Amino acid sequence: MRTKIQKWGNSLALRIPKSFAEEAEVEAGSRVDLSVTDGQLVIRPVRSPRFELHALLAGVKKENLHEEIPTGAPTGREAW
């Protein structure tokens, strides 16, 4: 597909057709990595890792637990 780069303020903008955005799983506000490789623009979606509680808790072992850390006296209306 051919498209046109347009001026947007002091920058340039490239419109991404809806079908391309859906296939790449990007939407307005998505973060992307933009680079130039051998003179070609390369745009890749930045995928945030997905964390699941059970997987995180599986990494908790007696050896990597720490004791409570004193943080001082309450400074507001905390109820301890």
PDB file of N, CA and C in Angstrom:
ATOM      1  N   MET A   1       0.846  -1.178   0.000  1.00  0.00           N
ATOM      2  CA  MET A   1       0.000   0.000   0.000  1.00  0.00           C
ATOM      3  C   MET A   1       0.885   1.232   0.000  1.00  0.00           C
ATOM      4  N   ARG A   2       0.531   2.190  -0.791  1.00  0.00           N
ATOM      5  CA  ARG A   2       1.255   3.461  -0.816  1.00  0.00           C
ATOM      6  C   ARG A   2       0.433   4.505  -0.080  1.00  0.00           C
ATOM      7  N   THR A   3       1.133   5.339   0.666  1.00  0.00           N
ATOM      8  CA  THR A   3       0.487   6.429   1.396  1.00  0.00           C
ATOM      9  C   THR A   3       1.421   7.628   1.355  1.00  0.00           C
ATOM     10  N   LYS A   4       1.001   8.726   1.953  1.00  0.00           N
ATOM     11  CA  LYS A   4       1.784   9.952   1.868  1.00  0.00           C
ATOM     12  C   LYS A   4       2.144  10.431   3.275  1.00  0.00           C
ATOM     13  N   ILE A   5       3.373  10.874   3.439  1.00  0.00           N
ATOM     14  CA  ILE A   5       3.807  11.493   4.681  1.00  0.00           C
ATOM     15  C   ILE A   5       3.400  12.951   4.614  1.00  0.00           C
ATOM     16  N   GLN A   6       2.795  13.439   5.703  1.00  0.00           N
ATOM     17  CA  GLN A   6       2.315  14.814   5.731  1.00  0.00           C
ATOM     18  C   GLN A   6       2.971  15.594   6.858  1.00  0.00           C
ATOM     19  N   LYS A   7       2.958  16.902   6.729  1.00  0.00           N
ATOM     20  CA  LYS A   7       3.523  17.788   7.748  1.00  0.00           C
ATOM     21  C   LYS A   7       2.557  17.889   8.919  1.00  0.00           C
ATOM     22  N   TRP A   8       3.102  17.856  10.129  1.00  0.00           N
ATOM     23  CA  TRP A   8       2.302  17.977  11.353  1.00  0.00           C
ATOM     24  C   TRP A   8       3.107  18.841  12.305  1.00  0.00           C
ATOM     25  N   GLY A   9       2.821  20.140  12.335  1.00  0.00           N
ATOM     26  CA  GLY A   9       3.626  21.081  13.109  1.00  0.00           C
ATOM     27  C   GLY A   9       5.024  21.129  12.508  1.00  0.00           C
ATOM     28  N   ASN A  10       6.046  20.941  13.366  1.00  0.00           N
ATOM     29  CA  ASN A  10       7.428  20.909  12.883  1.00  0.00           C
ATOM     30  C   ASN A  10       7.884  19.496  12.552  1.00  0.00           C
ATOM     31  N   SER A  11       6.967  18.537  12.664  1.00  0.00           N
ATOM     32  CA  SER A  11       7.309  17.136  12.420  1.00  0.00           C
ATOM     33  C   SER A  11       6.605  16.626  11.170  1.00  0.00           C
ATOM     34  N   LEU A  12       6.803  15.350  10.909  1.00  0.00           N
ATOM     35  CA  LEU A  12       6.109  14.681   9.826  1.00  0.00           C
ATOM     36  C   LEU A  12       5.234  13.587  10.425  1.00  0.00           C
ATOM     37  N   ALA A  13       4.132  13.264   9.756  1.00  0.00           N
ATOM     38  CA  ALA A  13       3.207  12.255  10.262  1.00  0.00           C
ATOM     39  C   ALA A  13       2.890  11.248   9.174  1.00  0.00           C
ATOM     40  N   LEU A  14       2.660  10.034   9.588  1.00  0.00           N
ATOM     41  CA  LEU A  14       2.297   8.950   8.689  1.00  0.00           C
ATOM     42  C   LEU A  14       1.001   8.341   9.204  1.00  0.00           C
ATOM     43  N   ARG A  15      -0.017   8.302   8.372  1.00  0.00           N
ATOM     44  CA  ARG A  15      -1.291   7.704   8.762  1.00  0.00           C
ATOM     45  C   ARG A  15      -1.224   6.208   8.531  1.00  0.00           C
ATOM     46  N   ILE A  16      -1.685   5.454   9.513  1.00  0.00           N
ATOM     47  CA  ILE A  16      -1.683   3.998   9.429  1.00  0.00           C
ATOM     48  C   ILE A  16      -3.106   3.545   9.131  1.00  0.00           C
ATOM     49  N   PRO A  17      -3.325   2.863   8.016  1.00  0.00           N
ATOM     50  CA  PRO A  17      -4.672   2.399   7.695  1.00  0.00           C
ATOM     51  C   PRO A  17      -5.219   1.468   8.787  1.00  0.00           C
ATOM     52  N   LYS A  18      -6.515   1.509   8.984  1.00  0.00           N
ATOM     53  CA  LYS A  18      -7.162   0.750  10.045  1.00  0.00           C
ATOM     54  C   LYS A  18      -6.813  -0.734   9.982  1.00  0.00           C
ATOM     55  N   SER A  19      -6.838  -1.317   8.780  1.00  0.00           N
ATOM     56  CA  SER A  19      -6.555  -2.753   8.665  1.00  0.00           C
ATOM     57  C   SER A  19      -5.128  -3.088   9.110  1.00  0.00           C
ATOM     58  N   PHE A  20      -4.180  -2.196   8.829  1.00  0.00           N
ATOM     59  CA  PHE A  20      -2.801  -2.412   9.263  1.00  0.00           C
ATOM     60  C   PHE A  20      -2.705  -2.298  10.780  1.00  0.00           C
ATOM     61  N   ALA A  21      -3.374  -1.282  11.343  1.00  0.00           N
ATOM     62  CA  ALA A  21      -3.341  -1.067  12.785  1.00  0.00           C
ATOM     63  C   ALA A  21      -3.934  -2.266  13.516  1.00  0.00           C
ATOM     64  N   GLU A  22      -5.033  -2.799  12.994  1.00  0.00           N
ATOM     65  CA  GLU A  22      -5.656  -3.959  13.632  1.00  0.00           C
ATOM     66  C   GLU A  22      -4.726  -5.166  13.587  1.00  0.00           C
ATOM     67  N   GLU A  23      -4.112  -5.393  12.433  1.00  0.00           N
ATOM     68  CA  GLU A  23      -3.214  -6.543  12.305  1.00  0.00           C
ATOM     69  C   GLU A  23      -2.001  -6.411  13.209  1.00  0.00           C
ATOM     70  N   ALA A  24      -1.480  -5.188  13.369  1.00  0.00           N
ATOM     71  CA  ALA A  24      -0.314  -4.946  14.225  1.00  0.00           C
ATOM     72  C   ALA A  24      -0.710  -4.776  15.687  1.00  0.00           C
ATOM     73  N   GLU A  25      -2.023  -4.793  15.954  1.00  0.00           N
ATOM     74  CA  GLU A  25      -2.560  -4.616  17.312  1.00  0.00           C
ATOM     75  C   GLU A  25      -2.083  -3.319  17.947  1.00  0.00           C
ATOM     76  N   VAL A  26      -2.221  -2.207  17.193  1.00  0.00           N
ATOM     77  CA  VAL A  26      -1.931  -0.877  17.718  1.00  0.00           C
ATOM     78  C   VAL A  26      -3.175  -0.017  17.582  1.00  0.00           C
ATOM     79  N   GLU A  27      -3.249   0.991  18.423  1.00  0.00           N
ATOM     80  CA  GLU A  27      -4.363   1.939  18.394  1.00  0.00           C
ATOM     81  C   GLU A  27      -3.831   3.293  18.818  1.00  0.00           C
ATOM     82  N   ALA A  28      -4.691   4.298  18.800  1.00  0.00           N
ATOM     83  CA  ALA A  28      -4.269   5.640  19.212  1.00  0.00           C
ATOM     84  C   ALA A  28      -3.688   5.555  20.621  1.00  0.00           C
ATOM     85  N   GLY A  29      -2.516   6.107  20.805  1.00  0.00           N
ATOM     86  CA  GLY A  29      -1.856   6.094  22.107  1.00  0.00           C
ATOM     87  C   GLY A  29      -0.903   4.932  22.305  1.00  0.00           C
ATOM     88  N   SER A  30      -0.895   3.964  21.383  1.00  0.00           N
ATOM     89  CA  SER A  30       0.033   2.838  21.501  1.00  0.00           C
ATOM     90  C   SER A  30       1.469   3.342  21.383  1.00  0.00           C
ATOM     91  N   ARG A  31       2.356   2.725  22.142  1.00  0.00           N
ATOM     92  CA  ARG A  31       3.770   3.072  22.060  1.00  0.00           C
ATOM     93  C   ARG A  31       4.422   2.207  20.982  1.00  0.00           C
ATOM     94  N   VAL A  32       5.292   2.833  20.195  1.00  0.00           N
ATOM     95  CA  VAL A  32       6.012   2.122  19.144  1.00  0.00           C
ATOM     96  C   VAL A  32       7.490   2.468  19.217  1.00  0.00           C
ATOM     97  N   ASP A  33       8.307   1.600  18.668  1.00  0.00           N
ATOM     98  CA  ASP A  33       9.737   1.842  18.534  1.00  0.00           C
ATOM     99  C   ASP A  33       9.982   2.195  17.075  1.00  0.00           C
ATOM    100  N   LEU A  34      10.557   3.359  16.833  1.00  0.00           N
ATOM    101  CA  LEU A  34      10.827   3.843  15.483  1.00  0.00           C
ATOM    102  C   LEU A  34      12.335   3.858  15.267  1.00  0.00           C
ATOM    103  N   SER A  35      12.777   3.203  14.195  1.00  0.00           N
ATOM    104  CA  SER A  35      14.207   3.170  13.899  1.00  0.00           C
ATOM    105  C   SER A  35      14.418   3.236  12.387  1.00  0.00           C
ATOM    106  N   VAL A  36      15.666   3.427  11.996  1.00  0.00           N
ATOM    107  CA  VAL A  36      16.047   3.425  10.587  1.00  0.00           C
ATOM    108  C   VAL A  36      17.073   2.314  10.409  1.00  0.00           C
ATOM    109  N   THR A  37      16.769   1.382   9.507  1.00  0.00           N
ATOM    110  CA  THR A  37      17.666   0.268   9.210  1.00  0.00           C
ATOM    111  C   THR A  37      17.926   0.248   7.714  1.00  0.00           C
ATOM    112  N   ASP A  38      19.186   0.419   7.351  1.00  0.00           N
ATOM    113  CA  ASP A  38      19.568   0.452   5.935  1.00  0.00           C
ATOM    114  C   ASP A  38      18.720   1.453   5.147  1.00  0.00           C
ATOM    115  N   GLY A  39      18.485   2.626   5.729  1.00  0.00           N
ATOM    116  CA  GLY A  39      17.739   3.682   5.055  1.00  0.00           C
ATOM    117  C   GLY A  39      16.232   3.480   5.024  1.00  0.00           C
ATOM    118  N   GLN A  40      15.725   2.459   5.726  1.00  0.00           N
ATOM    119  CA  GLN A  40      14.291   2.207   5.752  1.00  0.00           C
ATOM    120  C   GLN A  40      13.730   2.479   7.150  1.00  0.00           C
ATOM    121  N   LEU A  41      12.564   3.124   7.197  1.00  0.00           N
ATOM    122  CA  LEU A  41      11.885   3.330   8.470  1.00  0.00           C
ATOM    123  C   LEU A  41      11.314   2.007   8.948  1.00  0.00           C
ATOM    124  N   VAL A  42      11.529   1.704  10.208  1.00  0.00           N
ATOM    125  CA  VAL A  42      10.995   0.479  10.795  1.00  0.00           C
ATOM    126  C   VAL A  42      10.204   0.881  12.032  1.00  0.00           C
ATOM    127  N   ILE A  43       8.939   0.500  12.068  1.00  0.00           N
ATOM    128  CA  ILE A  43       8.062   0.817  13.200  1.00  0.00           C
ATOM    129  C   ILE A  43       7.619  -0.498  13.816  1.00  0.00           C
ATOM    130  N   ARG A  44       7.898  -0.668  15.116  1.00  0.00           N
ATOM    131  CA  ARG A  44       7.503  -1.885  15.820  1.00  0.00           C
ATOM    132  C   ARG A  44       6.713  -1.519  17.073  1.00  0.00           C
ATOM    133  N   PRO A  45       5.599  -2.187  17.305  1.00  0.00           N
ATOM    134  CA  PRO A  45       4.855  -1.944  18.545  1.00  0.00           C
ATOM    135  C   PRO A  45       5.702  -2.333  19.753  1.00  0.00           C
ATOM    136  N   VAL A  46       5.606  -1.554  20.821  1.00  0.00           N
ATOM    137  CA  VAL A  46       6.274  -1.880  22.075  1.00  0.00           C
ATOM    138  C   VAL A  46       5.259  -2.658  22.909  1.00  0.00           C
ATOM    139  N   ARG A  47       5.576  -3.888  23.186  1.00  0.00           N
ATOM    140  CA  ARG A  47       4.678  -4.743  23.953  1.00  0.00           C
ATOM    141  C   ARG A  47       5.101  -4.733  25.417  1.00  0.00           C
ATOM    142  N   SER A  48       4.185  -4.379  26.283  1.00  0.00           N
ATOM    143  CA  SER A  48       4.444  -4.425  27.712  1.00  0.00           C
ATOM    144  C   SER A  48       4.268  -5.862  28.186  1.00  0.00           C
ATOM    145  N   PRO A  49       5.149  -6.318  29.061  1.00  0.00           N
ATOM    146  CA  PRO A  49       4.989  -7.677  29.556  1.00  0.00           C
ATOM    147  C   PRO A  49       3.698  -7.801  30.376  1.00  0.00           C
ATOM    148  N   ARG A  50       3.045  -8.915  30.244  1.00  0.00           N
ATOM    149  CA  ARG A  50       1.830  -9.185  31.016  1.00  0.00           C
ATOM    150  C   ARG A  50       2.227 -10.017  32.224  1.00  0.00           C
ATOM    151  N   PHE A  51       1.847  -9.551  33.394  1.00  0.00           N
ATOM    152  CA  PHE A  51       2.156 -10.255  34.629  1.00  0.00           C
ATOM    153  C   PHE A  51       0.889 -10.892  35.175  1.00  0.00           C
ATOM    154  N   GLU A  52       1.026 -12.110  35.657  1.00  0.00           N
ATOM    155  CA  GLU A  52      -0.079 -12.798  36.297  1.00  0.00           C
ATOM    156  C   GLU A  52       0.313 -13.063  37.733  1.00  0.00           C
ATOM    157  N   LEU A  53      -0.617 -12.792  38.649  1.00  0.00           N
ATOM    158  CA  LEU A  53      -0.329 -12.886  40.072  1.00  0.00           C
ATOM    159  C   LEU A  53       0.205 -14.263  40.457  1.00  0.00           C
ATOM    160  N   HIS A  54      -0.410 -15.329  39.973  1.00  0.00           N
ATOM    161  CA  HIS A  54       0.040 -16.664  40.362  1.00  0.00           C
ATOM    162  C   HIS A  54       1.471 -16.930  39.909  1.00  0.00           C
ATOM    163  N   ALA A  55       1.856 -16.395  38.759  1.00  0.00           N
ATOM    164  CA  ALA A  55       3.227 -16.580  38.272  1.00  0.00           C
ATOM    165  C   ALA A  55       4.211 -15.776  39.119  1.00  0.00           C
ATOM    166  N   LEU A  56       3.829 -14.572  39.512  1.00  0.00           N
ATOM    167  CA  LEU A  56       4.694 -13.758  40.366  1.00  0.00           C
ATOM    168  C   LEU A  56       4.856 -14.400  41.740  1.00  0.00           C
ATOM    169  N   LEU A  57       3.747 -14.880  42.308  1.00  0.00           N
ATOM    170  CA  LEU A  57       3.809 -15.499  43.636  1.00  0.00           C
ATOM    171  C   LEU A  57       4.593 -16.804  43.613  1.00  0.00           C
ATOM    172  N   ALA A  58       4.621 -17.480  42.474  1.00  0.00           N
ATOM    173  CA  ALA A  58       5.392 -18.721  42.369  1.00  0.00           C
ATOM    174  C   ALA A  58       6.882 -18.456  42.562  1.00  0.00           C
ATOM    175  N   GLY A  59       7.316 -17.230  42.308  1.00  0.00           N
ATOM    176  CA  GLY A  59       8.725 -16.882  42.483  1.00  0.00           C
ATOM    177  C   GLY A  59       9.096 -16.523  43.908  1.00  0.00           C
ATOM    178  N   VAL A  60       8.102 -16.416  44.793  1.00  0.00           N
ATOM    179  CA  VAL A  60       8.373 -16.075  46.191  1.00  0.00           C
ATOM    180  C   VAL A  60       8.786 -17.336  46.930  1.00  0.00           C
ATOM    181  N   LYS A  61       9.977 -17.321  47.476  1.00  0.00           N
ATOM    182  CA  LYS A  61      10.524 -18.453  48.228  1.00  0.00           C
ATOM    183  C   LYS A  61      10.986 -17.957  49.589  1.00  0.00           C
ATOM    184  N   LYS A  62      11.160 -18.881  50.504  1.00  0.00           N
ATOM    185  CA  LYS A  62      11.636 -18.521  51.839  1.00  0.00           C
ATOM    186  C   LYS A  62      12.984 -17.792  51.747  1.00  0.00           C
ATOM    187  N   GLU A  63      13.799 -18.176  50.772  1.00  0.00           N
ATOM    188  CA  GLU A  63      15.135 -17.596  50.634  1.00  0.00           C
ATOM    189  C   GLU A  63      15.114 -16.138  50.153  1.00  0.00           C
ATOM    190  N   ASN A  64      14.053 -15.726  49.457  1.00  0.00           N
ATOM    191  CA  ASN A  64      14.050 -14.348  48.942  1.00  0.00           C
ATOM    192  C   ASN A  64      13.053 -13.438  49.662  1.00  0.00           C
ATOM    193  N   LEU A  65      12.525 -13.897  50.783  1.00  0.00           N
ATOM    194  CA  LEU A  65      11.664 -13.033  51.597  1.00  0.00           C
ATOM    195  C   LEU A  65      12.532 -12.169  52.505  1.00  0.00           C
ATOM    196  N   HIS A  66      12.082 -10.971  52.771  1.00  0.00           N
ATOM    197  CA  HIS A  66      12.805 -10.118  53.716  1.00  0.00           C
ATOM    198  C   HIS A  66      11.872  -9.781  54.871  1.00  0.00           C
ATOM    199  N   GLU A  67      12.457  -9.329  55.951  1.00  0.00           N
ATOM    200  CA  GLU A  67      11.663  -8.970  57.116  1.00  0.00           C
ATOM    201  C   GLU A  67      11.058  -7.589  56.909  1.00  0.00           C
ATOM    202  N   GLU A  68      10.176  -7.220  57.816  1.00  0.00           N
ATOM    203  CA  GLU A  68       9.559  -5.894  57.746  1.00  0.00           C
ATOM    204  C   GLU A  68      10.631  -4.821  57.825  1.00  0.00           C
ATOM    205  N   ILE A  69      10.378  -3.719  57.161  1.00  0.00           N
ATOM    206  CA  ILE A  69      11.304  -2.593  57.159  1.00  0.00           C
ATOM    207  C   ILE A  69      10.638  -1.454  57.910  1.00  0.00           C
ATOM    208  N   PRO A  70      11.255  -0.946  58.975  1.00  0.00           N
ATOM    209  CA  PRO A  70      10.637   0.154  59.717  1.00  0.00           C
ATOM    210  C   PRO A  70      10.600   1.420  58.854  1.00  0.00           C
ATOM    211  N   THR A  71       9.462   2.074  58.856  1.00  0.00           N
ATOM    212  CA  THR A  71       9.319   3.296  58.067  1.00  0.00           C
ATOM    213  C   THR A  71       9.031   4.513  58.930  1.00  0.00           C
ATOM    214  N   GLY A  72       9.105   4.359  60.235  1.00  0.00           N
ATOM    215  CA  GLY A  72       8.877   5.491  61.126  1.00  0.00           C
ATOM    216  C   GLY A  72       7.447   5.536  61.637  1.00  0.00           C
ATOM    217  N   ALA A  73       7.180   6.551  62.410  1.00  0.00           N
ATOM    218  CA  ALA A  73       5.859   6.725  63.022  1.00  0.00           C
ATOM    219  C   ALA A  73       4.853   7.189  61.968  1.00  0.00           C
ATOM    220  N   PRO A  74       3.548   6.918  62.203  1.00  0.00           N
ATOM    221  CA  PRO A  74       2.526   7.410  61.282  1.00  0.00           C
ATOM    222  C   PRO A  74       2.583   8.929  61.162  1.00  0.00           C
ATOM    223  N   THR A  75       2.309   9.444  59.976  1.00  0.00           N
ATOM    224  CA  THR A  75       2.343  10.881  59.772  1.00  0.00           C
ATOM    225  C   THR A  75       0.964  11.446  59.473  1.00  0.00           C
ATOM    226  N   GLY A  76      -0.008  10.614  59.328  1.00  0.00           N
ATOM    227  CA  GLY A  76      -1.359  11.049  59.022  1.00  0.00           C
ATOM    228  C   GLY A  76      -2.368  10.295  59.862  1.00  0.00           C
ATOM    229  N   ARG A  77      -3.437   9.852  59.239  1.00  0.00           N
ATOM    230  CA  ARG A  77      -4.463   9.118  59.971  1.00  0.00           C
ATOM    231  C   ARG A  77      -4.414   7.617  59.666  1.00  0.00           C
ATOM    232  N   GLU A  78      -3.204   7.099  59.478  1.00  0.00           N
ATOM    233  CA  GLU A  78      -3.074   5.666  59.219  1.00  0.00           C
ATOM    234  C   GLU A  78      -3.555   4.880  60.413  1.00  0.00           C
ATOM    235  N   ALA A  79      -4.176   3.763  60.167  1.00  0.00           N
ATOM    236  CA  ALA A  79      -4.628   2.874  61.230  1.00  0.00           C
ATOM    237  C   ALA A  79      -3.798   1.608  61.150  1.00  0.00           C
ATOM    238  N   TRP A  80      -2.903   1.386  62.135  1.00  0.00           N
ATOM    239  CA  TRP A  80      -2.054   0.205  62.108  1.00  0.00           C
ATOM    240  C   TRP A  80      -2.472  -0.708  63.185  1.00  0.00           C
TER     241      TRP A  80
END
